[in-house]
Protein backbone atom coordinates (compact mmCIF):
# COMPACT_ATOMS: atom_id res chain seq x y z
CA UNK A 1 -58.73 -5.91 -15.55
CA UNK A 2 -55.08 -6.87 -15.19
CA UNK A 3 -52.85 -4.14 -13.77
CA UNK A 4 -49.28 -4.12 -15.06
CA UNK A 5 -46.54 -2.42 -13.05
CA UNK A 6 -43.46 -2.07 -15.26
CA UNK A 7 -40.01 -1.53 -13.74
CA UNK A 8 -36.97 -1.09 -15.99
CA UNK A 9 -33.41 -2.02 -15.14
CA UNK A 10 -30.27 -0.14 -14.16
CA UNK A 11 -29.93 3.46 -15.38
CA UNK A 12 -33.51 3.57 -16.67
CA UNK A 13 -36.79 5.16 -15.63
CA UNK A 14 -40.45 4.82 -16.58
CA UNK A 15 -39.58 6.34 -19.97
CA UNK A 16 -38.02 3.02 -21.02
CA UNK A 17 -41.52 1.55 -21.46
CA UNK A 18 -42.81 4.25 -23.83
CA UNK A 19 -43.20 1.77 -26.71
CA UNK A 20 -44.61 -1.05 -24.57
CA UNK A 21 -47.24 0.62 -22.39
CA UNK A 22 -49.52 1.71 -25.30
CA UNK A 23 -49.61 -1.83 -26.69
CA UNK A 24 -50.61 -3.29 -23.34
CA UNK A 25 -53.31 -0.65 -22.94
CA UNK A 26 -54.59 -1.45 -26.44
CA UNK A 27 -54.86 -5.09 -25.30
CA UNK A 28 -57.16 -3.98 -22.48
CA UNK A 29 -54.75 -3.77 -19.55
CA UNK A 30 -54.15 -1.01 -17.03
CA UNK A 31 -50.47 -0.01 -17.09
CA UNK A 32 -48.24 1.81 -14.61
CA UNK A 33 -44.61 2.37 -15.57
CA UNK A 34 -42.62 3.12 -12.42
CA UNK A 35 -39.39 5.04 -11.95
CA UNK A 36 -37.38 3.87 -8.95
CA UNK A 37 -35.78 6.26 -6.46
CA UNK A 38 -32.41 7.66 -7.50
CA UNK A 39 -33.16 7.42 -11.23
CA UNK A 40 -34.55 9.67 -13.99
CA UNK A 41 -37.00 12.23 -12.55
CA UNK A 42 -36.33 10.78 -9.07
CA UNK A 43 -32.54 11.00 -9.37
CA UNK A 44 -32.20 13.27 -6.34
CA UNK A 45 -33.89 10.81 -3.95
CA UNK A 46 -31.69 8.55 -1.81
CA UNK A 47 -31.92 4.92 -2.79
CA UNK A 48 -30.93 1.47 -1.58
CA UNK A 49 -32.21 -2.01 -2.35
CA UNK A 50 -34.90 -1.82 0.32
CA UNK A 51 -35.93 1.62 -1.00
CA UNK A 52 -36.58 0.13 -4.41
CA UNK A 53 -38.66 -2.69 -2.97
CA UNK A 54 -40.73 -0.13 -1.06
CA UNK A 55 -41.13 1.99 -4.21
CA UNK A 56 -42.86 -0.92 -5.93
CA UNK A 57 -44.97 -2.10 -2.98
CA UNK A 58 -46.11 1.44 -2.18
CA UNK A 59 -47.13 2.05 -5.80
CA UNK A 60 -49.34 -1.05 -5.75
CA UNK A 61 -50.85 -0.09 -2.40
CA UNK A 62 -51.24 3.61 -3.25
CA UNK A 63 -53.26 2.77 -6.34
CA UNK A 64 -55.06 -0.09 -4.53
CA UNK A 65 -54.21 -2.45 -7.36
CA UNK A 66 -55.25 -6.09 -7.45
CA UNK A 67 -54.74 -8.75 -10.11
CA UNK A 68 -51.25 -7.28 -10.53
CA UNK A 69 -48.56 -8.40 -12.97
CA UNK A 70 -45.21 -7.07 -11.78
CA UNK A 71 -42.61 -6.81 -14.54
CA UNK A 72 -38.91 -6.45 -13.69
CA UNK A 73 -36.22 -5.96 -16.32
CA UNK A 74 -32.52 -6.67 -15.74
CA UNK A 75 -31.42 -5.28 -12.33
CA UNK A 76 -35.02 -4.59 -11.35
CA UNK A 77 -35.84 -8.27 -11.18
CA UNK A 78 -34.19 -8.17 -7.74
CA UNK A 79 -36.55 -5.61 -6.12
CA UNK A 80 -39.53 -6.80 -8.18
CA UNK A 81 -39.09 -10.38 -6.94
CA UNK A 82 -39.09 -9.17 -3.35
CA UNK A 83 -42.08 -6.89 -3.91
CA UNK A 84 -44.01 -9.76 -5.51
CA UNK A 85 -43.73 -11.69 -2.25
CA UNK A 86 -44.77 -8.68 -0.17
CA UNK A 87 -47.94 -7.71 -2.05
CA UNK A 88 -49.47 -11.10 -1.24
CA UNK A 89 -52.81 -11.88 -2.86
CA UNK A 90 -52.69 -8.72 -4.94
CA UNK A 91 -50.24 -10.54 -7.21
CA UNK A 92 -51.39 -12.35 -10.33
CA UNK A 93 -47.95 -13.04 -11.77
CA UNK A 94 -44.41 -11.73 -11.88
CA UNK A 95 -42.55 -11.45 -15.18
CA UNK A 96 -38.76 -11.27 -15.20
CA UNK A 97 -37.40 -9.76 -18.42
CA UNK A 98 -33.85 -11.08 -18.94
CA UNK A 99 -33.31 -10.15 -15.33
CA UNK A 100 -31.41 -10.98 -12.20
CA UNK A 101 -33.56 -12.46 -9.43
CA UNK A 102 -33.38 -12.06 -5.66
CA UNK A 103 -32.06 -14.57 -3.16
CA UNK A 104 -32.34 -14.04 0.58
CA UNK A 105 -29.24 -12.37 2.00
CA UNK A 106 -27.68 -11.94 -1.45
CA UNK A 107 -27.10 -8.62 -3.20
CA UNK A 108 -27.44 -7.94 -6.92
CA UNK A 109 -23.65 -7.92 -7.28
CA UNK A 110 -23.30 -11.19 -5.38
CA UNK A 111 -25.41 -12.99 -7.95
CA UNK A 112 -22.84 -13.10 -10.78
CA UNK A 113 -19.15 -12.26 -11.42
CA UNK A 114 -19.18 -8.51 -10.80
CA UNK A 115 -15.67 -7.33 -9.96
CA UNK A 116 -15.74 -4.96 -12.95
CA UNK A 117 -18.88 -3.28 -11.60
CA UNK A 118 -17.46 -2.98 -8.08
CA UNK A 119 -14.39 -1.34 -9.56
CA UNK A 120 -16.57 1.09 -11.52
CA UNK A 121 -18.49 1.99 -8.35
CA UNK A 122 -15.23 2.72 -6.53
CA UNK A 123 -13.94 4.84 -9.38
CA UNK A 124 -17.14 6.89 -9.83
CA UNK A 125 -18.05 7.97 -6.33
CA UNK A 126 -20.63 5.33 -5.52
CA UNK A 127 -22.62 5.22 -8.77
CA UNK A 128 -22.58 2.75 -11.64
CA UNK A 129 -21.81 4.92 -14.68
CA UNK A 130 -23.70 4.67 -17.93
CA UNK A 131 -22.40 2.08 -20.35
CA UNK A 132 -20.34 3.20 -23.35
CA UNK A 133 -22.02 2.88 -26.73
CA UNK A 134 -19.85 -0.11 -27.61
CA UNK A 135 -21.41 -2.14 -24.76
CA UNK A 136 -24.73 -2.19 -26.65
CA UNK A 137 -23.25 -3.76 -29.79
CA UNK A 138 -24.89 -6.99 -30.89
CA UNK A 139 -28.04 -6.33 -28.85
CA UNK A 140 -30.44 -5.66 -31.74
CA UNK A 141 -30.53 -1.90 -31.12
CA UNK A 142 -30.40 0.96 -33.60
CA UNK A 143 -27.91 3.80 -33.21
CA UNK A 144 -30.82 6.04 -32.23
CA UNK A 145 -31.94 3.64 -29.50
CA UNK A 146 -28.42 3.36 -28.13
CA UNK A 147 -28.15 7.14 -28.09
CA UNK A 148 -31.40 7.40 -26.14
CA UNK A 149 -30.26 4.84 -23.58
CA UNK A 150 -27.09 6.83 -23.06
CA UNK A 151 -28.53 10.35 -23.06
CA UNK A 152 -31.67 9.70 -20.98
CA UNK A 153 -30.13 7.17 -18.61
CA UNK A 154 -29.03 8.03 -15.07
CA UNK A 155 -25.91 6.78 -13.24
CA UNK A 156 -27.21 4.02 -10.99
CA UNK A 157 -26.96 4.34 -7.17
CA UNK A 158 -24.50 1.86 -5.66
CA UNK A 159 -26.42 0.91 -2.52
CA UNK A 160 -29.18 -0.67 -4.61
CA UNK A 161 -26.57 -3.05 -6.00
CA UNK A 162 -24.75 -3.94 -2.79
CA UNK A 163 -27.53 -4.25 -0.17
CA UNK A 164 -28.87 -7.81 0.25
CA UNK A 165 -32.32 -8.96 -0.74
CA UNK A 166 -34.81 -10.19 1.85
CA UNK A 167 -37.12 -13.12 1.04
CA UNK A 168 -39.21 -15.24 3.37
CA UNK A 169 -40.11 -17.99 0.89
CA UNK A 170 -38.29 -19.67 -2.01
CA UNK A 171 -38.61 -17.53 -5.12
CA UNK A 172 -39.75 -20.52 -7.16
CA UNK A 173 -43.03 -20.57 -5.24
CA UNK A 174 -44.18 -17.39 -6.98
CA UNK A 175 -46.17 -17.70 -10.22
CA UNK A 176 -43.70 -16.37 -12.78
CA UNK A 177 -42.69 -16.04 -16.39
CA UNK A 178 -39.01 -15.65 -17.21
CA UNK A 179 -38.18 -14.07 -20.57
CA UNK A 180 -34.68 -15.00 -21.76
CA UNK A 181 -33.28 -12.69 -24.44
CA UNK A 182 -31.06 -14.95 -26.51
CA UNK A 183 -28.65 -12.35 -27.89
CA UNK A 184 -27.58 -11.71 -24.30
CA UNK A 185 -26.62 -15.37 -23.78
CA UNK A 186 -28.75 -18.47 -24.15
CA UNK A 187 -28.55 -19.85 -20.61
CA UNK A 188 -30.45 -18.30 -17.67
CA UNK A 189 -28.54 -17.54 -14.47
CA UNK A 190 -28.22 -20.53 -12.09
CA UNK A 191 -30.79 -19.05 -9.67
CA UNK A 192 -33.27 -18.76 -12.53
CA UNK A 193 -32.60 -22.31 -13.70
CA UNK A 194 -33.25 -23.55 -10.17
CA UNK A 195 -36.55 -21.68 -9.91
CA UNK A 196 -37.66 -22.99 -13.30
CA UNK A 197 -37.31 -26.54 -12.00
CA UNK A 198 -39.95 -25.86 -9.33
CA UNK A 199 -42.90 -26.09 -11.72
CA UNK A 200 -44.51 -22.66 -11.16
CA UNK A 201 -42.31 -20.76 -13.62
CA UNK A 202 -42.46 -20.78 -17.38
CA UNK A 203 -39.53 -19.92 -19.65
CA UNK A 204 -40.09 -17.87 -22.81
CA UNK A 205 -37.22 -17.25 -25.20
CA UNK A 206 -37.04 -14.03 -27.21
CA UNK A 207 -34.61 -13.72 -30.10
CA UNK A 208 -33.36 -10.23 -29.33
CA UNK A 209 -30.96 -8.41 -27.02
CA UNK A 210 -31.08 -7.38 -23.40
CA UNK A 211 -33.33 -4.34 -23.93
CA UNK A 212 -36.42 -5.78 -25.69
CA UNK A 213 -38.61 -2.82 -24.75
CA UNK A 214 -36.55 -0.95 -27.34
CA UNK A 215 -35.56 -3.63 -29.84
CA UNK A 216 -38.80 -5.68 -30.09
CA UNK A 217 -41.54 -3.83 -28.16
CA UNK A 218 -44.39 -5.45 -30.09
CA UNK A 219 -43.15 -8.96 -29.40
CA UNK A 220 -42.62 -8.08 -25.74
CA UNK A 221 -46.18 -6.79 -25.52
CA UNK A 222 -47.44 -10.09 -26.95
CA UNK A 223 -45.52 -12.13 -24.38
CA UNK A 224 -46.62 -9.91 -21.48
CA UNK A 225 -50.24 -10.08 -22.63
CA UNK A 226 -50.05 -13.89 -22.73
CA UNK A 227 -48.37 -14.00 -19.31
CA UNK A 228 -51.32 -12.11 -17.86
CA UNK A 229 -53.58 -15.08 -18.71
CA UNK A 230 -51.47 -17.51 -16.67
CA UNK A 231 -52.21 -18.50 -13.10
């Protein structure tokens, strides 16, 4: 049995996978949706980048999971990529869902032009505030889905965005699927493009916005199920 560990991006908790987890279970997989420290029901826990990596590794070890597919969406691709390296032969595959990816010594905010986020952190006491509704326009979301993202989301802890990642090996050496959501821009980040050239990653394009677990959960389930068959 393949064990999926699902980790959503900034502001989100395990609840973000409510429409994806049942489909994966129906396909015969074991599924664990994980909330990272500092978010949702864990919002009162201190959190940094290393904390989030430990959250993921400890969940895999606590449940003694093997044949694991780690799934990281958006921001969470950074801790998920590090955790994938650390769980060793427990890993079957890592799936990055329209996500950032880690690079050794580089923080999440170092990986793309992020002055606007740094300014927001400074203005909001060390948290990344929830996005305004207008920021979700053009992302294939209903008004109800946007409202849920905004009402159930949690301001995101700054240290997770500014602390550097730690990797011992090139990320492209991991077996991986990268899902690019085309309504959020057609071209993957440069670090992703570089990893794709290594031969162990596959690229899957999805014609939806940045939050496919809400906009196209059935299609996301199909892609994740297929990724679980890869080696």
